[in-house]
Amino acid sequence: MEVLEFEIRSGGTIRIDLEKCETCETKACVKHCNTQGMGQILELKDGVPALKYTPEEVKRGACTEDLGCELECELRGNHAIVITLPLPELDEYLRDLSEKPTYLRGQ
């Protein structure tokens, strides 16, 4: 599987499954990323998303981390993007709950 994966300033990662992008008709993530006020870090190269900047520049803050690329891909694209963000406060909160949320029961 061909993947574009890069780190962002918060310590999270953005992972794009480029094989799914090949058959995407909308390229919604690239369109969203390039609207005014967004990071404008993605471009189309050979029909799939690619970084306009180096991974180091993106990690230093070129990406605005608005999460819109993932949402647009889910709504109008091919479900190819997964954004993973560190949420240590949430992990701590969930650990301290007396009754676990349904999705965590059995873990």
N, C-alpha and C. Protein backbone atom coordinates (compact mmCIF):
# COMPACT_ATOMS: atom_id res chain seq x y z
N MET A 1 0.84 -1.17 0.00
CA MET A 1 0.00 0.00 0.00
C MET A 1 0.90 1.25 0.00
N GLU A 2 0.61 2.14 -0.91
CA GLU A 2 1.35 3.39 -0.97
C GLU A 2 0.69 4.41 -0.03
N VAL A 3 1.50 4.99 0.85
CA VAL A 3 0.99 5.88 1.90
C VAL A 3 1.83 7.15 1.97
N LEU A 4 1.15 8.27 2.18
CA LEU A 4 1.82 9.52 2.52
C LEU A 4 1.54 9.75 3.99
N GLU A 5 2.59 9.76 4.80
CA GLU A 5 2.42 9.95 6.24
C GLU A 5 3.41 11.01 6.70
N PHE A 6 2.92 11.95 7.51
CA PHE A 6 3.79 13.01 7.99
C PHE A 6 3.33 13.47 9.36
N GLU A 7 4.28 14.01 10.12
CA GLU A 7 4.00 14.50 11.47
C GLU A 7 3.57 15.96 11.41
N ILE A 8 2.76 16.35 12.40
CA ILE A 8 2.31 17.73 12.51
C ILE A 8 2.75 18.30 13.86
N ARG A 9 2.64 19.59 13.99
CA ARG A 9 3.19 20.30 15.16
C ARG A 9 2.73 19.76 16.51
N SER A 10 1.49 19.33 16.62
CA SER A 10 0.95 18.85 17.90
C SER A 10 1.57 17.53 18.35
N GLY A 11 2.34 16.90 17.45
CA GLY A 11 2.90 15.58 17.76
C GLY A 11 2.08 14.46 17.13
N GLY A 12 1.01 14.82 16.46
CA GLY A 12 0.18 13.84 15.78
C GLY A 12 0.71 13.51 14.39
N THR A 13 -0.03 12.66 13.70
CA THR A 13 0.35 12.28 12.34
C THR A 13 -0.88 12.32 11.44
N ILE A 14 -0.61 12.59 10.17
CA ILE A 14 -1.62 12.50 9.13
C ILE A 14 -1.16 11.40 8.19
N ARG A 15 -2.06 10.46 7.94
CA ARG A 15 -1.75 9.31 7.09
C ARG A 15 -2.78 9.27 5.96
N ILE A 16 -2.28 9.30 4.71
CA ILE A 16 -3.15 9.29 3.54
C ILE A 16 -2.86 8.06 2.71
N ASP A 17 -3.88 7.23 2.50
CA ASP A 17 -3.77 6.02 1.69
C ASP A 17 -3.86 6.44 0.22
N LEU A 18 -2.73 6.54 -0.44
CA LEU A 18 -2.69 7.05 -1.81
C LEU A 18 -3.34 6.12 -2.82
N GLU A 19 -3.43 4.84 -2.51
CA GLU A 19 -4.12 3.91 -3.41
C GLU A 19 -5.60 4.27 -3.50
N LYS A 20 -6.20 4.66 -2.38
CA LYS A 20 -7.60 5.09 -2.40
C LYS A 20 -7.73 6.41 -3.15
N CYS A 21 -6.72 7.26 -3.05
CA CYS A 21 -6.75 8.57 -3.71
C CYS A 21 -6.73 8.44 -5.24
N GLU A 22 -6.10 7.39 -5.72
CA GLU A 22 -6.02 7.21 -7.17
C GLU A 22 -7.39 7.15 -7.82
N THR A 23 -8.37 6.58 -7.12
CA THR A 23 -9.72 6.44 -7.69
C THR A 23 -10.69 7.49 -7.18
N CYS A 24 -10.20 8.43 -6.38
CA CYS A 24 -11.06 9.49 -5.85
C CYS A 24 -11.35 10.50 -6.96
N GLU A 25 -12.61 10.78 -7.16
CA GLU A 25 -13.01 11.73 -8.21
C GLU A 25 -12.96 13.18 -7.74
N THR A 26 -13.12 13.42 -6.43
CA THR A 26 -13.25 14.80 -5.95
C THR A 26 -11.95 15.45 -5.52
N LYS A 27 -11.01 14.66 -5.02
CA LYS A 27 -9.77 15.21 -4.44
C LYS A 27 -10.13 16.29 -3.41
N ALA A 28 -11.16 16.00 -2.63
CA ALA A 28 -11.73 16.96 -1.68
C ALA A 28 -10.72 17.44 -0.65
N CYS A 29 -9.80 16.59 -0.24
CA CYS A 29 -8.81 16.98 0.77
C CYS A 29 -7.91 18.10 0.25
N VAL A 30 -7.46 17.97 -0.98
CA VAL A 30 -6.56 18.97 -1.57
C VAL A 30 -7.32 20.28 -1.77
N LYS A 31 -8.56 20.18 -2.23
CA LYS A 31 -9.37 21.40 -2.41
C LYS A 31 -9.54 22.14 -1.09
N HIS A 32 -9.88 21.38 -0.03
CA HIS A 32 -10.07 22.01 1.28
C HIS A 32 -8.77 22.63 1.79
N CYS A 33 -7.69 21.89 1.70
CA CYS A 33 -6.41 22.36 2.22
C CYS A 33 -5.97 23.66 1.54
N ASN A 34 -6.38 23.85 0.30
CA ASN A 34 -5.94 25.02 -0.46
C ASN A 34 -6.92 26.18 -0.44
N THR A 35 -7.94 26.12 0.41
CA THR A 35 -8.82 27.28 0.56
C THR A 35 -8.11 28.32 1.42
N GLN A 36 -8.50 29.56 1.26
CA GLN A 36 -7.86 30.65 1.99
C GLN A 36 -7.96 30.43 3.49
N GLY A 37 -6.85 30.62 4.17
CA GLY A 37 -6.81 30.48 5.61
C GLY A 37 -6.40 29.09 6.09
N MET A 38 -6.37 28.13 5.21
CA MET A 38 -5.93 26.79 5.57
C MET A 38 -4.41 26.70 5.34
N GLY A 39 -3.83 25.58 5.68
CA GLY A 39 -2.38 25.43 5.59
C GLY A 39 -1.81 25.43 4.19
N GLN A 40 -2.62 25.03 3.23
CA GLN A 40 -2.19 24.95 1.84
C GLN A 40 -0.91 24.14 1.69
N ILE A 41 -0.89 22.98 2.36
CA ILE A 41 0.31 22.14 2.32
C ILE A 41 0.20 21.01 1.30
N LEU A 42 -1.01 20.77 0.78
CA LEU A 42 -1.19 19.67 -0.17
C LEU A 42 -1.34 20.18 -1.59
N GLU A 43 -0.83 19.39 -2.52
CA GLU A 43 -1.02 19.63 -3.94
C GLU A 43 -1.24 18.28 -4.62
N LEU A 44 -1.73 18.33 -5.84
CA LEU A 44 -1.88 17.10 -6.61
C LEU A 44 -0.62 16.86 -7.41
N LYS A 45 -0.09 15.66 -7.31
CA LYS A 45 1.07 15.24 -8.07
C LYS A 45 0.78 13.84 -8.59
N ASP A 46 0.76 13.69 -9.89
CA ASP A 46 0.42 12.41 -10.52
C ASP A 46 -0.95 11.92 -10.07
N GLY A 47 -1.88 12.86 -9.83
CA GLY A 47 -3.25 12.51 -9.50
C GLY A 47 -3.53 12.16 -8.05
N VAL A 48 -2.52 12.30 -7.17
CA VAL A 48 -2.71 12.00 -5.75
C VAL A 48 -2.13 13.13 -4.91
N PRO A 49 -2.58 13.26 -3.65
CA PRO A 49 -2.04 14.32 -2.80
C PRO A 49 -0.55 14.13 -2.53
N ALA A 50 0.15 15.25 -2.49
CA ALA A 50 1.57 15.29 -2.15
C ALA A 50 1.82 16.55 -1.34
N LEU A 51 2.90 16.55 -0.58
CA LEU A 51 3.24 17.73 0.22
C LEU A 51 3.90 18.78 -0.65
N LYS A 52 3.50 20.05 -0.44
CA LYS A 52 4.16 21.18 -1.11
C LYS A 52 5.45 21.56 -0.39
N TYR A 53 5.53 21.21 0.88
CA TYR A 53 6.66 21.57 1.72
C TYR A 53 7.37 20.31 2.18
N THR A 54 8.54 20.48 2.79
CA THR A 54 9.25 19.33 3.33
C THR A 54 8.51 18.84 4.58
N PRO A 55 8.67 17.59 4.93
CA PRO A 55 8.06 17.09 6.17
C PRO A 55 8.50 17.90 7.40
N GLU A 56 9.72 18.40 7.40
CA GLU A 56 10.21 19.20 8.53
C GLU A 56 9.44 20.51 8.63
N GLU A 57 9.18 21.16 7.48
CA GLU A 57 8.42 22.41 7.48
C GLU A 57 6.99 22.18 7.95
N VAL A 58 6.39 21.08 7.51
CA VAL A 58 5.03 20.75 7.93
C VAL A 58 4.99 20.53 9.44
N LYS A 59 5.96 19.79 9.95
CA LYS A 59 6.01 19.50 11.39
C LYS A 59 6.24 20.77 12.22
N ARG A 60 6.95 21.73 11.66
CA ARG A 60 7.21 22.99 12.38
C ARG A 60 6.00 23.90 12.40
N GLY A 61 4.93 23.56 11.66
CA GLY A 61 3.73 24.37 11.76
C GLY A 61 3.09 24.79 10.45
N ALA A 62 3.58 24.32 9.32
CA ALA A 62 2.96 24.70 8.04
C ALA A 62 1.51 24.21 7.97
N CYS A 63 1.22 23.07 8.57
CA CYS A 63 -0.14 22.53 8.61
C CYS A 63 -0.91 23.24 9.73
N THR A 64 -2.11 23.72 9.43
CA THR A 64 -2.91 24.42 10.44
C THR A 64 -3.63 23.45 11.38
N GLU A 65 -3.60 22.16 11.08
CA GLU A 65 -4.23 21.13 11.92
C GLU A 65 -5.71 21.40 12.15
N ASP A 66 -6.40 21.86 11.12
CA ASP A 66 -7.83 22.14 11.26
C ASP A 66 -8.68 20.88 11.12
N LEU A 67 -8.09 19.77 10.71
CA LEU A 67 -8.72 18.46 10.56
C LEU A 67 -9.71 18.41 9.39
N GLY A 68 -9.80 19.49 8.63
CA GLY A 68 -10.75 19.56 7.53
C GLY A 68 -10.47 18.59 6.41
N CYS A 69 -9.20 18.27 6.17
CA CYS A 69 -8.88 17.33 5.09
C CYS A 69 -9.49 15.96 5.38
N GLU A 70 -9.42 15.53 6.64
CA GLU A 70 -9.99 14.24 7.01
C GLU A 70 -11.51 14.26 6.87
N LEU A 71 -12.14 15.31 7.33
CA LEU A 71 -13.59 15.43 7.24
C LEU A 71 -14.05 15.48 5.79
N GLU A 72 -13.41 16.28 4.96
CA GLU A 72 -13.77 16.37 3.55
C GLU A 72 -13.59 15.03 2.85
N CYS A 73 -12.52 14.32 3.19
CA CYS A 73 -12.27 13.01 2.59
C CYS A 73 -13.37 12.02 2.99
N GLU A 74 -13.80 12.09 4.25
CA GLU A 74 -14.88 11.21 4.70
C GLU A 74 -16.20 11.54 4.02
N LEU A 75 -16.49 12.83 3.88
CA LEU A 75 -17.79 13.23 3.33
C LEU A 75 -17.85 13.17 1.81
N ARG A 76 -16.76 13.55 1.14
CA ARG A 76 -16.79 13.71 -0.32
C ARG A 76 -15.73 12.93 -1.06
N GLY A 77 -14.87 12.24 -0.32
CA GLY A 77 -13.75 11.52 -0.95
C GLY A 77 -13.86 10.02 -0.78
N ASN A 78 -12.70 9.38 -0.65
CA ASN A 78 -12.63 7.91 -0.60
C ASN A 78 -12.21 7.36 0.76
N HIS A 79 -12.40 8.12 1.82
CA HIS A 79 -12.08 7.65 3.19
C HIS A 79 -10.62 7.20 3.28
N ALA A 80 -9.72 8.06 2.81
CA ALA A 80 -8.31 7.69 2.71
C ALA A 80 -7.44 8.33 3.79
N ILE A 81 -7.99 9.23 4.60
CA ILE A 81 -7.17 9.98 5.55
C ILE A 81 -7.50 9.59 6.99
N VAL A 82 -6.44 9.39 7.77
CA VAL A 82 -6.58 9.17 9.21
C VAL A 82 -5.63 10.13 9.91
N ILE A 83 -6.19 10.96 10.78
CA ILE A 83 -5.38 11.87 11.59
C ILE A 83 -5.36 11.32 13.01
N THR A 84 -4.16 11.18 13.54
CA THR A 84 -3.97 10.70 14.91
C THR A 84 -3.37 11.84 15.72
N LEU A 85 -4.06 12.22 16.79
CA LEU A 85 -3.59 13.30 17.64
C LEU A 85 -3.37 12.81 19.06
N PRO A 86 -2.30 13.25 19.70
CA PRO A 86 -2.08 12.88 21.10
C PRO A 86 -3.05 13.64 22.00
N LEU A 87 -3.74 12.92 22.85
CA LEU A 87 -4.68 13.53 23.79
C LEU A 87 -4.42 12.97 25.19
N PRO A 88 -3.28 13.32 25.79
CA PRO A 88 -2.95 12.73 27.09
C PRO A 88 -3.97 13.03 28.18
N GLU A 89 -4.60 14.21 28.14
CA GLU A 89 -5.60 14.54 29.16
C GLU A 89 -6.81 13.62 29.04
N LEU A 90 -7.19 13.30 27.81
CA LEU A 90 -8.32 12.40 27.60
C LEU A 90 -7.98 11.01 28.09
N ASP A 91 -6.79 10.53 27.78
CA ASP A 91 -6.37 9.20 28.24
C ASP A 91 -6.40 9.13 29.76
N GLU A 92 -5.91 10.18 30.42
CA GLU A 92 -5.92 10.21 31.89
C GLU A 92 -7.35 10.22 32.42
N TYR A 93 -8.20 11.02 31.82
CA TYR A 93 -9.61 11.10 32.22
C TYR A 93 -10.29 9.74 32.09
N LEU A 94 -10.09 9.08 30.97
CA LEU A 94 -10.72 7.78 30.75
C LEU A 94 -10.20 6.73 31.72
N ARG A 95 -8.93 6.80 32.05
CA ARG A 95 -8.34 5.85 33.00
C ARG A 95 -8.98 5.98 34.37
N ASP A 96 -9.35 7.21 34.75
CA ASP A 96 -9.88 7.47 36.08
C ASP A 96 -11.39 7.27 36.20
N LEU A 97 -12.09 7.01 35.11
CA LEU A 97 -13.54 6.81 35.16
C LEU A 97 -13.88 5.53 35.89
N SER A 98 -14.91 5.58 36.71
CA SER A 98 -15.33 4.36 37.41
C SER A 98 -16.09 3.44 36.45
N GLU A 99 -16.85 4.02 35.53
CA GLU A 99 -17.55 3.22 34.52
C GLU A 99 -17.01 3.62 33.15
N LYS A 100 -16.47 2.66 32.43
CA LYS A 100 -15.84 2.92 31.14
C LYS A 100 -16.89 3.16 30.05
N PRO A 101 -16.56 4.03 29.07
CA PRO A 101 -17.45 4.21 27.93
C PRO A 101 -17.63 2.88 27.19
N THR A 102 -18.74 2.73 26.52
CA THR A 102 -19.05 1.48 25.84
C THR A 102 -17.94 0.99 24.94
N TYR A 103 -17.35 1.89 24.17
CA TYR A 103 -16.33 1.45 23.22
C TYR A 103 -15.04 0.96 23.90
N LEU A 104 -14.87 1.26 25.20
CA LEU A 104 -13.68 0.78 25.91
C LEU A 104 -13.95 -0.46 26.77
N ARG A 105 -15.20 -0.83 26.92
CA ARG A 105 -15.51 -2.01 27.76
C ARG A 105 -14.93 -3.25 27.11
N GLY A 106 -14.37 -4.08 27.92
CA GLY A 106 -13.80 -5.32 27.43
C GLY A 106 -12.32 -5.16 27.05
N GLN A 107 -11.78 -3.96 27.19
CA GLN A 107 -10.36 -3.77 26.88
C GLN A 107 -9.54 -3.89 28.13
